[in-house]
Protein backbone atom coordinates (compact mmCIF):
# COMPACT_ATOMS: atom_id res chain seq x y z
CA MET A 1 -50.49 -59.40 -32.53
CA ARG A 2 -49.55 -60.78 -29.52
CA ILE A 3 -52.04 -61.31 -26.39
CA ARG A 4 -50.34 -60.18 -23.13
CA ARG A 5 -51.09 -62.81 -20.66
CA SER A 6 -51.85 -62.06 -16.92
CA PHE A 7 -50.77 -64.87 -13.86
CA SER A 8 -52.64 -64.53 -10.84
CA ASP A 9 -50.41 -63.53 -7.29
CA ASP A 10 -50.90 -67.61 -6.29
CA PHE A 11 -48.90 -68.64 -9.11
CA LYS A 12 -46.68 -65.57 -9.41
CA LYS A 13 -45.43 -66.73 -5.40
CA GLN A 14 -45.92 -70.78 -6.07
CA VAL A 15 -43.04 -70.04 -9.10
CA VAL A 16 -41.20 -67.41 -6.87
CA GLU A 17 -41.15 -70.49 -4.08
CA SER A 18 -40.62 -73.28 -6.35
CA ILE A 19 -36.78 -71.39 -7.38
CA VAL A 20 -36.09 -70.24 -3.57
CA SER A 21 -37.02 -73.13 -2.31
CA GLY A 22 -34.59 -74.69 -5.75
CA SER A 23 -37.47 -77.10 -6.49
CA ALA A 24 -36.08 -75.35 -9.82
CA THR A 25 -34.52 -72.93 -11.56
CA GLN A 26 -35.64 -70.10 -13.31
CA ALA A 27 -34.35 -70.91 -16.87
CA GLU A 28 -36.45 -74.36 -16.39
CA ILE A 29 -39.77 -72.11 -15.48
CA ALA A 30 -39.34 -69.89 -18.09
CA ARG A 31 -38.98 -72.20 -20.40
CA GLU A 32 -42.06 -74.03 -19.19
CA TYR A 33 -44.22 -71.54 -18.58
CA LYS A 34 -43.01 -69.81 -21.59
CA ILE A 35 -42.21 -66.13 -19.42
CA SER A 36 -39.41 -64.43 -19.78
CA PRO A 37 -36.83 -64.29 -16.71
CA VAL A 38 -37.36 -60.58 -16.43
CA ILE A 39 -40.86 -61.17 -15.43
CA ILE A 40 -39.55 -63.63 -12.70
CA ASN A 41 -36.93 -61.36 -11.15
CA ARG A 42 -39.96 -58.46 -11.40
CA TRP A 43 -41.76 -60.75 -9.43
CA LYS A 44 -38.91 -62.21 -6.99
CA LYS A 45 -37.96 -58.53 -6.35
CA ASP A 46 -42.29 -58.12 -6.09
CA TYR A 47 -41.93 -61.59 -3.25
CA LYS A 48 -39.43 -60.27 -0.73
CA SER A 49 -40.92 -56.65 -1.02
CA GLY A 50 -44.41 -58.94 0.55
CA LYS A 51 -46.11 -57.75 -2.08
CA PHE A 52 -47.48 -61.48 -2.47
CA PHE A 53 -48.63 -61.39 1.65
CA GLU A 54 -50.73 -57.76 1.03
CA ASN A 55 -54.14 -60.24 2.04
CA VAL A 56 -52.17 -62.03 4.49
CA SER A 57 -54.28 -61.93 7.36
CA SER A 58 -52.78 -61.25 11.13
CA ASN A 59 -53.66 -64.82 12.44
CA ASP A 60 -52.27 -66.13 8.98
CA MET A 61 -49.14 -64.41 9.55
CA ALA A 62 -49.09 -65.20 12.97
CA LYS A 63 -48.96 -68.89 12.10
CA LEU A 64 -45.81 -67.95 9.93
CA GLU A 65 -44.33 -67.17 12.50
CA LEU A 66 -44.28 -69.29 14.68
CA ARG A 67 -43.80 -71.71 11.97
CA VAL A 68 -39.86 -69.07 11.14
CA ARG A 69 -39.01 -69.79 14.91
CA GLU A 70 -40.09 -73.65 14.95
CA LEU A 71 -37.70 -74.10 11.59
CA GLU A 72 -35.28 -71.57 12.76
CA ARG A 73 -34.99 -73.65 15.74
CA LEU A 74 -34.74 -76.87 14.41
CA LEU A 75 -32.06 -75.38 11.23
CA GLY A 76 -29.69 -74.26 14.83
CA LYS A 77 -30.38 -78.33 16.52
CA LEU A 78 -29.32 -79.31 13.26
CA THR A 79 -26.75 -77.64 13.31
CA LEU A 80 -25.26 -78.36 16.46
CA GLU A 81 -25.92 -81.90 15.67
CA ASN A 82 -24.00 -81.95 12.72
CA GLU A 83 -20.92 -80.62 14.03
CA MET A 84 -20.74 -83.35 17.47
CA LEU A 85 -20.66 -85.71 14.33
CA LYS A 86 -18.09 -84.14 12.78
CA ARG A 87 -15.72 -83.92 15.82
CA ALA A 88 -16.76 -87.70 17.12
CA ARG A 89 -15.16 -88.70 12.79
CA ASP A 90 -12.71 -85.82 13.53
CA LEU A 91 -11.86 -87.82 16.34
CA ASN A 92 -12.24 -91.71 15.14
CA THR A 93 -10.13 -91.27 12.26
CA LYS A 94 -7.04 -89.67 14.85
CA GLU A 95 -7.32 -93.22 16.73
CA LYS A 96 -7.14 -94.79 13.91
CA LYS A 97 -4.43 -93.11 12.99
CA GLU A 98 -2.71 -93.17 16.10
CA ASP A 99 -3.44 -97.32 16.25
CA LEU A 100 -1.26 -97.19 12.95
CA SER A 101 1.49 -95.19 14.29
CA ILE A 102 5.07 -97.80 13.59
CA VAL A 103 5.84 -99.85 16.40
CA THR A 104 9.51 -100.30 17.94
CA SER A 105 10.76 -103.29 19.50
CA ARG A 106 10.00 -101.44 22.80
CA ASP A 107 5.50 -100.86 21.96
CA TRP A 108 6.00 -104.80 21.47
CA GLU A 109 8.08 -105.60 24.43
CA GLN A 110 5.34 -103.21 26.84
CA SER A 111 2.42 -104.87 25.50
CA GLN A 112 3.04 -107.86 25.27
CA ARG A 113 3.80 -108.05 28.95
CA GLY A 114 0.34 -106.38 29.51
CA ALA A 115 -1.18 -109.01 27.42
CA LYS A 116 -0.38 -111.73 30.15
């Protein structure tokens, strides 16, 4: 006969958050703790429905919501910076390609006059 194990909501929440954050895969967690992937899927559903947050006070929820807004703002800022860096890289690449263009004799003569 097998003894039925029970896990605390905090443990379940920790397991799901580690999977959602990408720090561990579901298979790794299942092997490490010898938990069925089916049970982990159930925990993920419970997590998405908010079951593990039922005992969280409104003050804690307000802090979490502020943190989410702060992280969303930071994500937006980083996304904009990333786009600007990509554009700068593309401009730099374009300029380098233009510098590598073929020089004709007329271009050469114009460059020599400008160099004097």
